[in-house]
Amino acid sequence: MLDRFRRAALPVCLLIASAEAVFAHPMGNDSISHINILWILPDRIEFDSYLDFAEGPSLNFPDEIDTNGNGDETLEERRAWLKAKGDEVLPFFRVTIDG
């Protein structure tokens, strides 16, 4: 019984592993995908912006992130870099209610 389960599970595992590799960066290894979500809630409006850097573009940012130049990206450095990237795009968004 267990051997039959293993034979059935192997193709499924291979399919899942290959699908993950195919869908990792559907536009290629040099792409940057932008995903923006506007949440309209009863008491507020929120905005989420996601950037998915493929392997190629991600190699351009270590010097920007590692601000102290020690070769390690700390969590604080990563958070500061992400906040700065968010601050760069924020002026391009405007939400108007009733007018």
N, C-alpha and C. Protein backbone atom coordinates (compact mmCIF):
# COMPACT_ATOMS: atom_id res chain seq x y z
N MET A 1 0.83 -1.20 0.00
CA MET A 1 0.00 0.00 0.00
C MET A 1 0.87 1.26 0.00
N LEU A 2 1.89 1.30 0.87
CA LEU A 2 2.76 2.46 0.95
C LEU A 2 3.53 2.66 -0.34
N ASP A 3 3.98 1.55 -0.96
CA ASP A 3 4.72 1.64 -2.22
C ASP A 3 3.83 2.24 -3.32
N ARG A 4 2.58 1.86 -3.36
CA ARG A 4 1.65 2.41 -4.35
C ARG A 4 1.43 3.91 -4.11
N PHE A 5 1.36 4.31 -2.85
CA PHE A 5 1.22 5.73 -2.51
C PHE A 5 2.44 6.50 -2.97
N ARG A 6 3.64 5.96 -2.74
CA ARG A 6 4.86 6.64 -3.15
C ARG A 6 4.91 6.81 -4.67
N ARG A 7 4.52 5.78 -5.41
CA ARG A 7 4.52 5.90 -6.87
C ARG A 7 3.52 6.95 -7.33
N ALA A 8 2.41 7.08 -6.67
CA ALA A 8 1.40 8.08 -7.05
C ALA A 8 1.84 9.48 -6.62
N ALA A 9 2.55 9.57 -5.50
CA ALA A 9 2.94 10.88 -4.98
C ALA A 9 4.10 11.49 -5.75
N LEU A 10 4.97 10.67 -6.31
CA LEU A 10 6.13 11.19 -7.01
C LEU A 10 5.78 12.11 -8.18
N PRO A 11 4.88 11.71 -9.09
CA PRO A 11 4.54 12.64 -10.19
C PRO A 11 3.91 13.94 -9.69
N VAL A 12 3.13 13.85 -8.63
CA VAL A 12 2.50 15.05 -8.08
C VAL A 12 3.57 15.99 -7.52
N CYS A 13 4.52 15.45 -6.79
CA CYS A 13 5.61 16.27 -6.24
C CYS A 13 6.44 16.90 -7.35
N LEU A 14 6.73 16.13 -8.39
CA LEU A 14 7.49 16.67 -9.51
C LEU A 14 6.72 17.78 -10.22
N LEU A 15 5.43 17.60 -10.37
CA LEU A 15 4.59 18.62 -11.01
C LEU A 15 4.58 19.91 -10.19
N ILE A 16 4.43 19.78 -8.89
CA ILE A 16 4.42 20.95 -8.02
C ILE A 16 5.77 21.65 -8.06
N ALA A 17 6.86 20.91 -8.01
CA ALA A 17 8.19 21.51 -8.03
C ALA A 17 8.45 22.21 -9.35
N SER A 18 8.06 21.60 -10.45
CA SER A 18 8.30 22.24 -11.75
C SER A 18 7.38 23.44 -11.96
N ALA A 19 6.16 23.38 -11.47
CA ALA A 19 5.24 24.51 -11.62
C ALA A 19 5.76 25.71 -10.84
N GLU A 20 6.35 25.46 -9.67
CA GLU A 20 6.89 26.56 -8.88
C GLU A 20 8.03 27.24 -9.62
N ALA A 21 8.86 26.48 -10.28
CA ALA A 21 9.97 27.06 -11.04
C ALA A 21 9.47 27.84 -12.24
N VAL A 22 8.44 27.34 -12.90
CA VAL A 22 7.90 28.00 -14.08
C VAL A 22 7.24 29.32 -13.71
N PHE A 23 6.51 29.35 -12.61
CA PHE A 23 5.75 30.53 -12.25
C PHE A 23 6.52 31.50 -11.36
N ALA A 24 7.77 31.21 -11.06
CA ALA A 24 8.53 32.09 -10.18
C ALA A 24 8.63 33.49 -10.77
N HIS A 25 9.01 33.60 -12.02
CA HIS A 25 9.09 34.89 -12.71
C HIS A 25 8.58 34.71 -14.13
N PRO A 26 7.27 34.81 -14.29
CA PRO A 26 6.67 34.50 -15.59
C PRO A 26 7.13 35.42 -16.71
N MET A 27 7.67 36.60 -16.38
CA MET A 27 8.13 37.51 -17.44
C MET A 27 9.63 37.41 -17.66
N GLY A 28 10.29 36.49 -16.99
CA GLY A 28 11.71 36.29 -17.21
C GLY A 28 12.55 36.67 -16.01
N ASN A 29 13.82 36.32 -16.07
CA ASN A 29 14.73 36.55 -14.96
C ASN A 29 15.23 37.98 -14.85
N ASP A 30 14.84 38.84 -15.78
CA ASP A 30 15.25 40.25 -15.72
C ASP A 30 14.06 41.16 -15.49
N SER A 31 12.99 40.64 -14.92
CA SER A 31 11.76 41.41 -14.77
C SER A 31 11.59 41.97 -13.36
N ILE A 32 10.80 43.02 -13.28
CA ILE A 32 10.33 43.56 -12.01
C ILE A 32 8.81 43.65 -12.13
N SER A 33 8.12 42.87 -11.32
CA SER A 33 6.66 42.87 -11.35
C SER A 33 6.12 43.84 -10.30
N HIS A 34 5.15 44.64 -10.68
CA HIS A 34 4.52 45.60 -9.79
C HIS A 34 3.09 45.14 -9.53
N ILE A 35 2.72 45.06 -8.28
CA ILE A 35 1.35 44.72 -7.89
C ILE A 35 0.88 45.78 -6.92
N ASN A 36 -0.22 46.44 -7.25
CA ASN A 36 -0.77 47.49 -6.40
C ASN A 36 -2.20 47.15 -6.04
N ILE A 37 -2.53 47.30 -4.77
CA ILE A 37 -3.87 46.98 -4.28
C ILE A 37 -4.39 48.18 -3.50
N LEU A 38 -5.56 48.65 -3.87
CA LEU A 38 -6.23 49.73 -3.15
C LEU A 38 -7.36 49.11 -2.34
N TRP A 39 -7.27 49.24 -1.02
CA TRP A 39 -8.27 48.69 -0.10
C TRP A 39 -9.21 49.82 0.31
N ILE A 40 -10.46 49.70 -0.01
CA ILE A 40 -11.46 50.68 0.42
C ILE A 40 -12.26 50.03 1.54
N LEU A 41 -12.02 50.50 2.75
CA LEU A 41 -12.63 49.94 3.95
C LEU A 41 -13.65 50.94 4.50
N PRO A 42 -14.52 50.51 5.38
CA PRO A 42 -15.56 51.41 5.89
C PRO A 42 -15.02 52.67 6.55
N ASP A 43 -13.87 52.58 7.20
CA ASP A 43 -13.37 53.73 7.95
C ASP A 43 -12.05 54.30 7.43
N ARG A 44 -11.51 53.73 6.34
CA ARG A 44 -10.23 54.22 5.82
C ARG A 44 -9.93 53.64 4.45
N ILE A 45 -8.93 54.17 3.83
CA ILE A 45 -8.42 53.65 2.57
C ILE A 45 -6.96 53.27 2.80
N GLU A 46 -6.60 52.08 2.36
CA GLU A 46 -5.22 51.61 2.49
C GLU A 46 -4.70 51.24 1.11
N PHE A 47 -3.41 51.32 0.96
CA PHE A 47 -2.77 51.02 -0.31
C PHE A 47 -1.57 50.12 -0.06
N ASP A 48 -1.51 49.01 -0.77
CA ASP A 48 -0.37 48.10 -0.70
C ASP A 48 0.30 48.07 -2.06
N SER A 49 1.60 48.13 -2.06
CA SER A 49 2.38 48.06 -3.30
C SER A 49 3.45 47.00 -3.12
N TYR A 50 3.47 46.04 -4.05
CA TYR A 50 4.44 44.96 -4.00
C TYR A 50 5.34 45.02 -5.22
N LEU A 51 6.62 44.84 -5.01
CA LEU A 51 7.58 44.76 -6.09
C LEU A 51 8.25 43.40 -5.99
N ASP A 52 8.22 42.65 -7.09
CA ASP A 52 8.86 41.34 -7.14
C ASP A 52 10.04 41.44 -8.10
N PHE A 53 11.23 41.45 -7.54
CA PHE A 53 12.45 41.57 -8.34
C PHE A 53 12.94 40.18 -8.70
N ALA A 54 13.09 39.91 -9.98
CA ALA A 54 13.67 38.65 -10.42
C ALA A 54 15.17 38.64 -10.12
N GLU A 55 15.81 37.55 -10.47
CA GLU A 55 17.22 37.38 -10.12
C GLU A 55 18.10 38.49 -10.68
N GLY A 56 17.91 38.86 -11.93
CA GLY A 56 18.77 39.87 -12.55
C GLY A 56 18.71 41.22 -11.86
N PRO A 57 17.53 41.83 -11.76
CA PRO A 57 17.45 43.15 -11.12
C PRO A 57 17.83 43.15 -9.64
N SER A 58 17.60 42.03 -8.97
CA SER A 58 17.90 42.01 -7.54
C SER A 58 19.40 42.13 -7.27
N LEU A 59 20.22 41.82 -8.26
CA LEU A 59 21.67 41.94 -8.07
C LEU A 59 22.14 43.40 -8.09
N ASN A 60 21.27 44.31 -8.50
CA ASN A 60 21.63 45.72 -8.58
C ASN A 60 21.51 46.46 -7.25
N PHE A 61 20.87 45.87 -6.25
CA PHE A 61 20.51 46.61 -5.05
C PHE A 61 21.34 46.36 -3.80
N PRO A 62 22.21 45.36 -3.74
CA PRO A 62 22.93 45.15 -2.47
C PRO A 62 23.68 46.37 -1.96
N ASP A 63 24.29 47.14 -2.84
CA ASP A 63 25.02 48.33 -2.38
C ASP A 63 24.07 49.39 -1.83
N GLU A 64 22.86 49.47 -2.37
CA GLU A 64 21.88 50.43 -1.84
C GLU A 64 21.38 49.98 -0.47
N ILE A 65 21.20 48.68 -0.29
CA ILE A 65 20.63 48.17 0.95
C ILE A 65 21.66 48.17 2.07
N ASP A 66 22.86 47.73 1.79
CA ASP A 66 23.93 47.63 2.79
C ASP A 66 24.56 49.00 3.00
N THR A 67 23.90 49.84 3.79
CA THR A 67 24.33 51.23 3.94
C THR A 67 25.63 51.40 4.71
N ASN A 68 25.96 50.45 5.61
CA ASN A 68 27.21 50.60 6.35
C ASN A 68 28.39 49.93 5.64
N GLY A 69 28.13 49.25 4.50
CA GLY A 69 29.19 48.71 3.68
C GLY A 69 29.94 47.53 4.25
N ASN A 70 29.33 46.82 5.21
CA ASN A 70 30.04 45.69 5.81
C ASN A 70 29.79 44.37 5.07
N GLY A 71 29.00 44.40 4.00
CA GLY A 71 28.75 43.19 3.23
C GLY A 71 27.55 42.38 3.70
N ASP A 72 26.93 42.77 4.79
CA ASP A 72 25.74 42.09 5.32
C ASP A 72 24.55 43.03 5.28
N GLU A 73 23.43 42.50 4.83
CA GLU A 73 22.18 43.27 4.84
C GLU A 73 21.42 42.92 6.11
N THR A 74 21.35 43.86 7.03
CA THR A 74 20.60 43.61 8.27
C THR A 74 19.12 43.84 8.02
N LEU A 75 18.31 43.36 8.94
CA LEU A 75 16.87 43.57 8.84
C LEU A 75 16.54 45.06 8.85
N GLU A 76 17.24 45.82 9.68
CA GLU A 76 17.00 47.26 9.74
C GLU A 76 17.35 47.94 8.41
N GLU A 77 18.44 47.50 7.79
CA GLU A 77 18.83 48.08 6.49
C GLU A 77 17.80 47.74 5.42
N ARG A 78 17.31 46.50 5.45
CA ARG A 78 16.29 46.11 4.47
C ARG A 78 15.00 46.91 4.66
N ARG A 79 14.59 47.07 5.91
CA ARG A 79 13.36 47.84 6.18
C ARG A 79 13.52 49.30 5.76
N ALA A 80 14.68 49.87 6.03
CA ALA A 80 14.92 51.26 5.63
C ALA A 80 14.90 51.40 4.11
N TRP A 81 15.48 50.43 3.41
CA TRP A 81 15.50 50.47 1.95
C TRP A 81 14.08 50.34 1.39
N LEU A 82 13.28 49.43 1.96
CA LEU A 82 11.90 49.26 1.50
C LEU A 82 11.07 50.51 1.76
N LYS A 83 11.28 51.14 2.91
CA LYS A 83 10.55 52.38 3.20
C LYS A 83 10.94 53.47 2.21
N ALA A 84 12.22 53.56 1.89
CA ALA A 84 12.67 54.57 0.92
C ALA A 84 12.07 54.30 -0.45
N LYS A 85 11.99 53.04 -0.87
CA LYS A 85 11.37 52.71 -2.16
C LYS A 85 9.89 53.07 -2.14
N GLY A 86 9.23 52.82 -1.03
CA GLY A 86 7.82 53.19 -0.91
C GLY A 86 7.63 54.69 -0.96
N ASP A 87 8.51 55.43 -0.31
CA ASP A 87 8.44 56.89 -0.33
C ASP A 87 8.67 57.45 -1.74
N GLU A 88 9.44 56.74 -2.56
CA GLU A 88 9.67 57.18 -3.94
C GLU A 88 8.41 57.13 -4.79
N VAL A 89 7.58 56.10 -4.61
CA VAL A 89 6.40 55.95 -5.46
C VAL A 89 5.16 56.63 -4.89
N LEU A 90 5.15 56.93 -3.61
CA LEU A 90 3.98 57.52 -2.97
C LEU A 90 3.48 58.80 -3.65
N PRO A 91 4.33 59.72 -4.08
CA PRO A 91 3.83 60.94 -4.72
C PRO A 91 3.05 60.70 -6.02
N PHE A 92 3.18 59.52 -6.60
CA PHE A 92 2.50 59.23 -7.86
C PHE A 92 1.07 58.72 -7.66
N PHE A 93 0.64 58.56 -6.42
CA PHE A 93 -0.69 58.06 -6.13
C PHE A 93 -1.52 59.14 -5.44
N ARG A 94 -2.77 59.25 -5.87
CA ARG A 94 -3.68 60.22 -5.27
C ARG A 94 -5.07 59.60 -5.24
N VAL A 95 -5.72 59.70 -4.12
CA VAL A 95 -7.07 59.20 -3.96
C VAL A 95 -7.96 60.37 -3.61
N THR A 96 -9.06 60.51 -4.34
CA THR A 96 -10.01 61.59 -4.11
C THR A 96 -11.37 60.99 -3.80
N ILE A 97 -12.01 61.51 -2.77
CA ILE A 97 -13.35 61.05 -2.41
C ILE A 97 -14.32 62.20 -2.62
N ASP A 98 -15.42 61.93 -3.31
CA ASP A 98 -16.46 62.93 -3.59
C ASP A 98 -15.91 64.15 -4.30
N GLY A 99 -15.15 63.93 -5.31
CA GLY A 99 -14.77 65.09 -6.08
C GLY A 99 -13.42 65.05 -6.64
